[in-house]
Amino acid sequence: GQMYNLDGTLHSSGNETCIPTFLGPLTCAGMVDNTHSTWLNNGYTRLRSYNAKNDNYYNECLELLSMLLLTGNMVDFTKVPPRATATITANVRPAGAGTVTLSPQKDSYGVGDEVTISTSTSNSTRYTFVGWEGDLTGTQQSATFKVGYNRTITAVYRDEQANDLLDDCEDNDGLTNLGTEWFTYTDVLDGGKSTVTPLTKTGETLFKMTEGGYNSSKYAVKVNWTLDKGSFDYDPFVGVGFELAPKAAYTDISKSTGISFFYKGTFGTKDTCDLKIECGAVTTPGADFCYNIPSSTSWKEVNIKWSDFKQPWWVKGDAIATLDLKRISKIQWQIHGQTTAASELWIDDVHILGLPIEKTAVKQPVVSEKIFSESLRCVRMGANLMVNYSLSQNGNVSFALYNIAGKMVKREATSFVHAGNHTAQINLSDIAKGAYLLKLSTETAEITQQIMVSK
């Protein structure tokens, strides 16, 4: 770092990143008597000249405290009268989902007063209470607390009729209802040695769901990991997430208000799980908007507003951005820290709140056991895909191949097939490398099989 003369001028050159940290207290020392006015004035002038590039870590706080002390604007807390009253502001989200009642109901309360807050839904078949948010936490619909400061409390409900389900994982196809892929990643390309299972590869290895979802449902997202920084300079990391823009660089989710999901997972005492949004407005690596997810050994629902996402504390200057919901590419859960022990994270029932979502044509259809006596079995032989299947009754059969964006890329002519075991041959020489869904259809039923095409 740099060294200073008593008047605040530079004594030597060096790294400037810690300037406010040292110069602030040094300048304050000049307040001892009026013989050091030049020292004091020059030091104060230099403190005021610093910009964002100098304010790394806690420097900005020390700079502000030093300047308050130098100007005489530091509050004398020994003379500040204690708070006598406080207010409580109650809200409901989404609007109209329910009501909140305070007992007793007052415009303001005395410090130390005991207040009971409760909420009830406006429509029990549509809205389910999730929990309290803001200056109160918990999942009970009634709570009692003592007043000590101004509070803003929100009762959060889930709209069971909202058409905003991104994925409940029940179709077990590794794709969201937008037709986009779930994916995982590690720090290996940065020199780390962390591992995550399953490990995906875009267009080649799709994510595999795990049996045992929230509320005894069939499937959920599950990843297992270990953290090992290897030769990486920073904390090791792994992650799991989903794409939002299958056909473009970004997608517009500005009509939505936030995200909700169920999860469970334990993170080491030196580890952190952040839910991160990749936004086109952020150009600095690692400066994505994020929200911290605490450990939970049992299934827990979270409901997060987009406005609750913040950039990391270290982001300064040109790296500061505004969350542009019209340019979002992906959302991901990233675990980073120092623990080397193996651990796991489960995710289920993901909603992009308020964003209309319709399932793509490639989602797994209803299978009629009266038509198909067993699932498809696909075997690659050279340029051809050999498809083995069984029919329990006669009928017309057709095959179609879809990419992960839901676009049909190949269709075989419909043919009449008798009941029994059959093998169909589909030429893949004109199909690009990647992940696809093969759909076998009759007049009354259809069944799909995920396949990978490699060259």
Protein backbone atom coordinates (compact mmCIF):
# COMPACT_ATOMS: atom_id res chain seq x y z
CA GLY A 1 0.00 0.00 0.00
CA GLN A 2 0.95 3.67 0.10
CA MET A 3 2.54 5.73 2.85
CA TYR A 4 1.49 9.29 3.74
CA ASN A 5 2.98 12.46 5.15
CA LEU A 6 1.18 14.04 8.09
CA ASP A 7 -0.50 16.57 5.78
CA GLY A 8 -2.14 13.79 3.74
CA THR A 9 0.24 13.96 0.78
CA LEU A 10 1.85 10.82 -0.61
CA HIS A 11 5.21 9.70 0.79
CA SER A 12 5.59 6.70 -1.52
CA SER A 13 3.79 5.00 -4.40
CA GLY A 14 1.99 1.73 -4.13
CA ASN A 15 -1.31 -0.07 -4.35
CA GLU A 16 -4.21 2.34 -3.72
CA THR A 17 -6.87 -0.19 -2.80
CA CYS A 18 -6.58 0.39 0.96
CA ILE A 19 -6.22 4.21 0.95
CA PRO A 20 -9.42 5.17 2.88
CA THR A 21 -8.75 2.46 5.45
CA PHE A 22 -5.48 4.05 6.62
CA LEU A 23 -5.82 7.72 5.71
CA GLY A 24 -9.18 8.18 7.47
CA PRO A 25 -7.94 7.34 11.00
CA LEU A 26 -4.63 9.15 10.32
CA THR A 27 -6.48 12.36 9.38
CA CYS A 28 -8.71 12.10 12.46
CA ALA A 29 -5.55 12.11 14.58
CA GLY A 30 -4.94 15.66 13.32
CA MET A 31 -7.93 16.84 15.37
CA VAL A 32 -5.86 16.72 18.58
CA ASP A 33 -5.28 20.52 18.50
CA ASN A 34 -5.37 23.50 16.12
CA THR A 35 -1.64 23.33 15.29
CA HIS A 36 -2.32 20.51 12.83
CA SER A 37 -4.93 22.32 10.68
CA THR A 38 -2.97 21.84 7.44
CA TRP A 39 -2.63 18.13 8.13
CA LEU A 40 -6.34 17.95 8.90
CA ASN A 41 -7.56 19.96 5.90
CA ASN A 42 -5.34 18.23 3.34
CA GLY A 43 -6.23 14.78 4.66
CA TYR A 44 -9.97 15.57 4.58
CA THR A 45 -9.71 16.94 1.01
CA ARG A 46 -7.97 13.75 -0.12
CA LEU A 47 -10.57 11.55 1.57
CA ARG A 48 -13.34 13.32 -0.36
CA SER A 49 -11.53 12.74 -3.67
CA TYR A 50 -11.77 8.94 -3.58
CA ASN A 51 -14.09 7.15 -6.02
CA ALA A 52 -15.51 3.64 -6.25
CA LYS A 53 -12.28 2.00 -7.40
CA ASN A 54 -10.65 2.83 -4.06
CA ASP A 55 -13.54 1.61 -1.92
CA ASN A 56 -12.81 -2.08 -1.74
CA TYR A 57 -14.06 -4.28 1.10
CA TYR A 58 -14.81 -2.19 4.23
CA ASN A 59 -12.95 0.96 3.08
CA GLU A 60 -16.12 2.80 2.14
CA CYS A 61 -17.53 2.40 5.66
CA LEU A 62 -14.34 3.64 7.34
CA GLU A 63 -14.15 6.55 4.92
CA LEU A 64 -17.70 7.62 5.78
CA LEU A 65 -17.19 7.26 9.53
CA SER A 66 -13.95 9.25 9.35
CA MET A 67 -15.62 12.07 7.40
CA LEU A 68 -18.57 12.22 9.81
CA LEU A 69 -16.15 12.55 12.71
CA LEU A 70 -14.03 15.18 10.93
CA THR A 71 -17.01 17.38 10.05
CA GLY A 72 -18.59 17.19 13.49
CA ASN A 73 -21.65 15.42 12.12
CA MET A 74 -21.15 12.20 14.07
CA VAL A 75 -24.22 11.60 16.22
CA ASP A 76 -23.70 11.70 19.98
CA PHE A 77 -25.60 8.58 20.87
CA THR A 78 -25.45 9.42 24.58
CA LYS A 79 -27.88 12.26 23.88
CA VAL A 80 -30.28 10.47 21.52
CA PRO A 81 -33.62 9.86 23.27
CA PRO A 82 -34.83 6.24 23.21
CA ARG A 83 -37.68 5.34 20.84
CA ALA A 84 -41.06 5.55 22.52
CA THR A 85 -43.40 4.38 19.75
CA ALA A 86 -43.28 2.26 16.61
CA THR A 87 -45.55 1.34 13.69
CA ILE A 88 -46.51 -1.95 12.04
CA THR A 89 -47.26 -2.10 8.31
CA ALA A 90 -48.96 -5.32 7.13
CA ASN A 91 -49.21 -6.52 3.51
CA VAL A 92 -50.44 -9.57 1.58
CA ARG A 93 -48.81 -11.09 -1.52
CA PRO A 94 -50.25 -11.69 -4.05
CA ALA A 95 -52.78 -8.89 -3.67
CA GLY A 96 -56.24 -10.18 -2.79
CA ALA A 97 -55.02 -13.57 -1.57
CA GLY A 98 -56.03 -12.88 2.03
CA THR A 99 -56.18 -10.42 4.91
CA VAL A 100 -53.93 -9.60 7.87
CA THR A 101 -55.26 -8.67 11.31
CA LEU A 102 -53.37 -6.99 14.17
CA SER A 103 -54.58 -7.31 17.73
CA PRO A 104 -54.80 -4.77 19.20
CA GLN A 105 -55.23 -2.64 16.07
CA LYS A 106 -53.55 0.79 16.47
CA ASP A 107 -51.92 3.46 14.33
CA SER A 108 -48.81 3.18 16.51
CA TYR A 109 -47.65 1.11 19.47
CA GLY A 110 -45.57 1.74 22.53
CA VAL A 111 -42.19 0.04 22.67
CA GLY A 112 -42.67 -3.16 24.65
CA ASP A 113 -46.34 -3.59 23.67
CA GLU A 114 -47.35 -7.15 22.80
CA VAL A 115 -49.07 -7.60 19.42
CA THR A 116 -50.65 -10.65 17.78
CA ILE A 117 -50.67 -10.82 13.99
CA SER A 118 -52.76 -13.32 12.04
CA THR A 119 -53.76 -13.95 8.44
CA SER A 120 -56.58 -15.76 6.68
CA THR A 121 -57.07 -16.60 3.02
CA SER A 122 -59.75 -15.04 0.84
CA ASN A 123 -60.25 -18.31 -1.05
CA SER A 124 -59.12 -21.57 0.57
CA THR A 125 -59.42 -23.56 -2.67
CA ARG A 126 -57.15 -21.17 -4.54
CA TYR A 127 -54.63 -19.68 -2.07
CA THR A 128 -52.34 -21.53 0.35
CA PHE A 129 -50.42 -19.68 3.07
CA VAL A 130 -46.66 -20.04 2.64
CA GLY A 131 -45.24 -17.91 5.47
CA TRP A 132 -44.33 -14.47 6.79
CA GLU A 133 -41.79 -12.23 5.13
CA GLY A 134 -40.00 -9.02 6.10
CA ASP A 135 -39.70 -8.22 9.82
CA LEU A 136 -41.32 -11.51 10.83
CA THR A 137 -40.51 -15.09 9.84
CA GLY A 138 -42.33 -18.37 10.31
CA THR A 139 -45.03 -20.48 8.72
CA GLN A 140 -47.75 -20.32 11.39
CA GLN A 141 -50.75 -18.17 10.42
CA SER A 142 -50.70 -16.45 13.82
CA ALA A 143 -47.75 -15.06 15.78
CA THR A 144 -47.18 -12.86 18.82
CA PHE A 145 -44.25 -10.50 19.35
CA LYS A 146 -43.19 -7.43 21.33
CA VAL A 147 -42.88 -4.07 19.60
CA GLY A 148 -39.36 -2.65 19.52
CA TYR A 149 -39.04 -0.89 16.16
CA ASN A 150 -41.01 -0.06 13.00
CA ARG A 151 -41.93 -3.30 11.24
CA THR A 152 -43.14 -4.16 7.73
CA ILE A 153 -44.61 -7.66 7.57
CA THR A 154 -45.99 -9.51 4.53
CA ALA A 155 -48.20 -12.61 4.50
CA VAL A 156 -47.17 -14.66 1.45
CA TYR A 157 -49.63 -16.99 -0.28
CA ARG A 158 -49.29 -19.46 -3.14
CA ASP A 159 -51.83 -19.22 -5.96
CA GLU A 160 -52.75 -22.83 -6.71
CA GLN A 161 -54.54 -21.82 -9.93
CA ALA A 162 -51.66 -19.83 -11.40
CA ASN A 163 -50.37 -21.14 -14.73
CA ASP A 164 -46.74 -20.39 -13.85
CA LEU A 165 -45.30 -23.84 -13.11
CA LEU A 166 -41.84 -24.09 -14.63
CA ASP A 167 -41.30 -27.71 -13.60
CA ASP A 168 -42.68 -30.19 -11.08
CA CYS A 169 -40.23 -32.84 -12.38
CA GLU A 170 -42.96 -35.47 -12.63
CA ASP A 171 -42.35 -36.17 -16.32
CA ASN A 172 -38.74 -37.15 -15.52
CA ASP A 173 -37.38 -35.83 -18.84
CA GLY A 174 -34.69 -33.37 -17.71
CA LEU A 175 -36.55 -30.48 -19.37
CA THR A 176 -38.64 -27.62 -17.97
CA ASN A 177 -42.14 -26.80 -19.20
CA LEU A 178 -40.49 -24.21 -21.46
CA GLY A 179 -38.66 -27.04 -23.21
CA THR A 180 -35.32 -25.89 -21.77
CA GLU A 181 -32.67 -28.09 -20.17
CA TRP A 182 -31.75 -28.56 -16.54
CA PHE A 183 -27.95 -28.54 -16.21
CA THR A 184 -25.12 -28.89 -13.70
CA TYR A 185 -21.59 -27.47 -13.67
CA THR A 186 -18.36 -27.42 -11.64
CA ASP A 187 -15.19 -25.34 -11.22
CA VAL A 188 -13.01 -27.79 -13.18
CA LEU A 189 -12.45 -25.39 -16.11
CA ASP A 190 -11.10 -22.84 -13.58
CA GLY A 191 -8.63 -25.28 -12.07
CA GLY A 192 -10.87 -26.64 -9.32
CA LYS A 193 -11.48 -30.32 -8.56
CA SER A 194 -15.07 -30.15 -7.30
CA THR A 195 -17.54 -32.82 -8.40
CA VAL A 196 -21.30 -32.87 -8.96
CA THR A 197 -23.62 -35.78 -9.79
CA PRO A 198 -25.27 -35.97 -12.22
CA LEU A 199 -22.94 -33.98 -14.48
CA THR A 200 -24.60 -32.76 -17.68
CA LYS A 201 -23.20 -31.71 -21.04
CA THR A 202 -25.25 -29.41 -23.26
CA GLY A 203 -26.79 -31.28 -26.18
CA GLU A 204 -25.25 -34.59 -25.14
CA THR A 205 -26.03 -35.57 -21.55
CA LEU A 206 -29.42 -34.54 -20.14
CA PHE A 207 -30.16 -34.15 -16.45
CA LYS A 208 -31.65 -37.19 -14.69
CA MET A 209 -34.34 -36.65 -12.06
CA THR A 210 -34.36 -38.60 -8.79
CA GLU A 211 -37.27 -40.48 -7.22
CA GLY A 212 -38.77 -39.03 -4.05
CA GLY A 213 -39.97 -35.46 -4.55
CA TYR A 214 -41.72 -33.02 -2.23
CA ASN A 215 -44.98 -34.22 -0.65
CA SER A 216 -44.36 -37.82 -1.77
CA SER A 217 -44.35 -36.88 -5.47
CA LYS A 218 -42.52 -39.15 -7.91
CA TYR A 219 -39.49 -37.09 -8.92
CA ALA A 220 -37.37 -34.07 -8.02
CA VAL A 221 -34.09 -32.44 -8.93
CA LYS A 222 -31.27 -33.84 -6.79
CA VAL A 223 -27.52 -33.20 -6.95
CA ASN A 224 -24.69 -34.61 -4.86
CA TRP A 225 -21.40 -32.77 -4.66
CA THR A 226 -17.98 -32.37 -3.10
CA LEU A 227 -15.97 -29.12 -3.09
CA ASP A 228 -12.23 -29.07 -3.83
CA LYS A 229 -10.50 -25.87 -4.96
CA GLY A 230 -7.53 -27.67 -6.54
CA SER A 231 -5.45 -24.90 -8.15
CA PHE A 232 -8.39 -22.47 -8.31
CA ASP A 233 -7.57 -19.09 -6.70
CA TYR A 234 -10.99 -18.63 -5.10
CA ASP A 235 -13.57 -20.71 -3.24
CA PRO A 236 -14.54 -23.90 -5.13
CA PHE A 237 -18.09 -24.18 -6.49
CA VAL A 238 -20.67 -26.41 -8.16
CA GLY A 239 -24.15 -25.61 -9.41
CA VAL A 240 -27.46 -26.77 -10.83
CA GLY A 241 -29.97 -24.72 -12.80
CA PHE A 242 -32.15 -24.38 -15.87
CA GLU A 243 -32.03 -22.47 -19.13
CA LEU A 244 -34.78 -19.93 -19.84
CA ALA A 245 -34.06 -19.06 -23.48
CA PRO A 246 -33.95 -22.14 -25.74
CA LYS A 247 -34.13 -20.23 -29.03
CA ALA A 248 -32.37 -16.94 -28.18
CA ALA A 249 -29.69 -15.48 -25.94
CA TYR A 250 -32.26 -14.07 -23.50
CA THR A 251 -35.92 -14.35 -22.59
CA ASP A 252 -38.33 -11.75 -21.21
CA ILE A 253 -39.76 -12.61 -17.76
CA SER A 254 -40.68 -9.02 -16.85
CA LYS A 255 -44.35 -9.99 -16.40
CA SER A 256 -43.36 -12.19 -13.44
CA THR A 257 -42.84 -11.04 -9.85
CA GLY A 258 -40.43 -13.67 -8.51
CA ILE A 259 -39.71 -17.35 -8.07
CA SER A 260 -40.93 -20.02 -5.65
CA PHE A 261 -39.80 -23.61 -5.07
CA PHE A 262 -39.43 -26.35 -2.49
CA TYR A 263 -35.97 -27.48 -1.46
CA LYS A 264 -33.96 -29.29 1.16
CA GLY A 265 -30.20 -29.50 1.57
CA THR A 266 -27.43 -29.11 4.10
CA PHE A 267 -24.40 -26.93 3.49
CA GLY A 268 -21.25 -26.85 5.57
CA THR A 269 -20.68 -24.06 8.10
CA LYS A 270 -18.19 -22.51 5.67
CA ASP A 271 -20.36 -23.04 2.58
CA THR A 272 -23.05 -20.91 0.91
CA CYS A 273 -25.87 -21.73 -1.51
CA ASP A 274 -26.89 -18.78 -3.68
CA LEU A 275 -29.76 -18.69 -6.16
CA LYS A 276 -28.31 -16.72 -9.10
CA ILE A 277 -29.92 -14.99 -12.09
CA GLU A 278 -27.88 -14.55 -15.25
CA CYS A 279 -28.91 -11.20 -16.72
CA GLY A 280 -27.71 -9.49 -19.90
CA ALA A 281 -27.09 -6.25 -17.99
CA VAL A 282 -24.32 -7.88 -15.91
CA THR A 283 -20.97 -7.97 -17.71
CA THR A 284 -18.55 -8.60 -14.82
CA PRO A 285 -17.86 -12.31 -14.07
CA GLY A 286 -19.33 -13.34 -10.71
CA ALA A 287 -21.40 -10.13 -10.33
CA ASP A 288 -24.75 -11.84 -11.01
CA PHE A 289 -27.80 -10.99 -8.92
CA CYS A 290 -28.26 -13.59 -6.19
CA TYR A 291 -30.27 -14.60 -3.11
CA ASN A 292 -28.89 -16.68 -0.25
CA ILE A 293 -30.58 -20.02 0.47
CA PRO A 294 -30.14 -21.29 4.05
CA SER A 295 -29.68 -24.95 4.93
CA SER A 296 -32.79 -27.02 5.61
CA THR A 297 -32.87 -30.70 6.57
CA SER A 298 -36.55 -31.01 5.56
CA TRP A 299 -38.56 -29.82 2.58
CA LYS A 300 -39.08 -26.05 2.77
CA GLU A 301 -40.93 -23.66 0.46
CA VAL A 302 -39.43 -20.28 -0.42
CA ASN A 303 -41.12 -17.41 -2.26
CA ILE A 304 -38.65 -14.76 -3.44
CA LYS A 305 -39.38 -11.42 -5.15
CA TRP A 306 -37.05 -10.36 -7.93
CA SER A 307 -36.41 -7.17 -5.96
CA ASP A 308 -34.85 -9.30 -3.20
CA PHE A 309 -32.01 -10.37 -5.50
CA LYS A 310 -28.84 -8.30 -5.03
CA GLN A 311 -25.39 -8.24 -6.54
CA PRO A 312 -22.52 -9.45 -4.31
CA TRP A 313 -21.27 -7.00 -1.68
CA TRP A 314 -17.94 -6.51 -3.44
CA VAL A 315 -19.48 -5.16 -6.67
CA LYS A 316 -18.45 -1.53 -7.24
CA GLY A 317 -18.21 1.09 -9.99
CA ASP A 318 -18.84 -0.08 -13.54
CA ALA A 319 -19.79 -3.57 -12.32
CA ILE A 320 -22.96 -2.23 -10.68
CA ALA A 321 -25.98 -3.12 -12.83
CA THR A 322 -29.78 -3.05 -12.80
CA LEU A 323 -31.62 -6.38 -12.95
CA ASP A 324 -33.11 -6.40 -16.46
CA LEU A 325 -35.92 -8.96 -16.42
CA LYS A 326 -36.31 -8.61 -20.17
CA ARG A 327 -32.86 -10.16 -20.70
CA ILE A 328 -32.60 -13.31 -18.57
CA SER A 329 -30.76 -16.41 -19.81
CA LYS A 330 -30.71 -18.85 -16.89
CA ILE A 331 -31.35 -19.32 -13.17
CA GLN A 332 -29.10 -21.55 -11.07
CA TRP A 333 -28.34 -22.66 -7.51
CA GLN A 334 -24.60 -22.35 -6.84
CA ILE A 335 -22.88 -23.89 -3.81
CA HIS A 336 -19.48 -22.46 -2.95
CA GLY A 337 -17.20 -22.52 0.09
CA GLN A 338 -14.52 -24.60 1.72
CA THR A 339 -16.12 -27.84 2.91
CA THR A 340 -14.79 -30.99 1.25
CA ALA A 341 -17.41 -33.35 2.72
CA ALA A 342 -20.07 -34.72 0.35
CA SER A 343 -23.53 -33.21 0.53
CA GLU A 344 -26.75 -32.91 -1.49
CA LEU A 345 -29.47 -30.48 -2.63
CA TRP A 346 -33.06 -31.30 -3.64
CA ILE A 347 -35.36 -28.94 -5.62
CA ASP A 348 -39.00 -29.42 -6.64
CA ASP A 349 -42.12 -27.55 -7.86
CA VAL A 350 -40.42 -24.48 -9.36
CA HIS A 351 -42.72 -21.57 -10.28
CA ILE A 352 -41.85 -18.32 -12.08
CA LEU A 353 -44.54 -16.32 -10.29
CA GLY A 354 -47.00 -14.60 -12.60
CA LEU A 355 -45.35 -15.77 -15.85
CA PRO A 356 -47.79 -17.73 -18.08
CA ILE A 357 -46.13 -21.04 -18.95
CA GLU A 358 -47.51 -23.71 -21.26
CA LYS A 359 -45.97 -27.13 -21.57
CA THR A 360 -44.14 -27.71 -24.83
CA ALA A 361 -45.21 -30.37 -27.28
CA VAL A 362 -42.25 -32.53 -26.31
CA LYS A 363 -43.36 -33.17 -22.74
CA GLN A 364 -44.13 -36.81 -22.03
CA PRO A 365 -47.73 -37.63 -23.06
CA VAL A 366 -50.21 -39.96 -21.40
CA VAL A 367 -49.40 -43.58 -22.19
CA SER A 368 -52.19 -46.07 -22.74
CA GLU A 369 -51.23 -49.53 -21.51
CA LYS A 370 -53.97 -50.94 -23.75
CA ILE A 371 -51.94 -49.91 -26.78
CA PHE A 372 -48.32 -50.20 -25.67
CA SER A 373 -47.44 -53.28 -23.69
CA GLU A 374 -43.92 -52.02 -22.96
CA SER A 375 -41.80 -48.89 -23.33
CA LEU A 376 -39.61 -48.13 -26.32
CA ARG A 377 -36.10 -49.54 -26.52
CA CYS A 378 -33.72 -47.71 -28.85
CA VAL A 379 -30.38 -49.06 -30.10
CA ARG A 380 -27.96 -47.09 -32.29
CA MET A 381 -26.43 -49.07 -35.15
CA GLY A 382 -24.22 -46.90 -37.34
CA ALA A 383 -26.28 -44.14 -38.95
CA ASN A 384 -29.55 -45.87 -38.00
CA LEU A 385 -31.62 -45.96 -34.84
CA MET A 386 -33.24 -49.33 -34.23
CA VAL A 387 -36.51 -48.87 -32.32
CA ASN A 388 -37.99 -51.92 -30.58
CA TYR A 389 -41.61 -51.69 -29.42
CA SER A 390 -44.70 -53.82 -28.76
CA LEU A 391 -48.38 -53.24 -29.59
CA SER A 392 -51.25 -55.07 -27.95
CA GLN A 393 -53.65 -54.31 -30.83
CA ASN A 394 -53.53 -53.45 -34.53
CA GLY A 395 -53.21 -49.81 -35.60
CA ASN A 396 -51.49 -47.09 -37.62
CA VAL A 397 -48.06 -46.16 -36.21
CA SER A 398 -45.90 -43.09 -36.88
CA PHE A 399 -42.55 -41.85 -35.56
CA ALA A 400 -41.43 -38.23 -35.02
CA LEU A 401 -38.19 -36.76 -33.66
CA TYR A 402 -38.18 -33.46 -31.69
CA ASN A 403 -35.28 -31.31 -30.53
CA ILE A 404 -35.23 -29.87 -26.98
CA ALA A 405 -36.87 -26.64 -28.19
CA GLY A 406 -39.95 -28.65 -29.21
CA LYS A 407 -39.39 -28.40 -32.97
CA MET A 408 -40.04 -31.50 -35.08
CA VAL A 409 -36.86 -32.33 -37.02
CA LYS A 410 -37.85 -35.64 -38.61
CA ARG A 411 -41.03 -37.61 -39.28
CA GLU A 412 -41.42 -41.15 -40.62
CA ALA A 413 -44.42 -42.10 -42.79
CA THR A 414 -47.42 -43.62 -41.01
CA SER A 415 -47.84 -47.36 -41.52
CA PHE A 416 -50.35 -49.98 -40.42
CA VAL A 417 -48.88 -52.45 -37.89
CA HIS A 418 -50.39 -55.61 -36.43
CA ALA A 419 -50.32 -56.39 -32.71
CA GLY A 420 -47.05 -57.89 -31.50
CA ASN A 421 -43.33 -57.11 -31.26
CA HIS A 422 -41.77 -54.89 -33.91
CA THR A 423 -38.52 -53.15 -34.87
CA ALA A 424 -38.44 -49.87 -36.81
CA GLN A 425 -35.37 -48.36 -38.44
CA ILE A 426 -34.83 -44.55 -38.49
CA ASN A 427 -31.93 -43.01 -40.39
CA LEU A 428 -30.10 -40.32 -38.37
CA SER A 429 -27.44 -39.33 -40.91
CA ASP A 430 -29.14 -35.95 -41.48
CA ILE A 431 -29.69 -35.24 -37.76
CA ALA A 432 -27.30 -32.93 -35.90
CA LYS A 433 -25.52 -34.03 -32.74
CA GLY A 434 -27.56 -33.43 -29.56
CA ALA A 435 -30.46 -34.49 -27.33
CA TYR A 436 -33.86 -35.41 -28.81
CA LEU A 437 -37.21 -36.95 -27.92
CA LEU A 438 -38.54 -39.75 -30.10
CA LYS A 439 -42.35 -40.00 -30.16
CA LEU A 440 -44.22 -43.12 -31.29
CA SER A 441 -47.94 -42.45 -31.96
CA THR A 442 -51.09 -44.34 -32.86
CA GLU A 443 -54.61 -42.96 -33.33
CA THR A 444 -55.36 -43.14 -29.60
CA ALA A 445 -52.04 -43.05 -27.71
CA GLU A 446 -48.42 -42.02 -27.82
CA ILE A 447 -45.18 -42.70 -25.95
CA THR A 448 -41.79 -40.98 -25.94
CA GLN A 449 -38.15 -41.92 -25.39
CA GLN A 450 -35.20 -39.60 -24.80
CA ILE A 451 -32.26 -40.29 -27.13
CA MET A 452 -28.79 -38.82 -27.73
CA VAL A 453 -27.35 -38.40 -31.23
CA SER A 454 -23.55 -38.35 -31.46
CA LYS A 455 -21.38 -38.10 -34.54
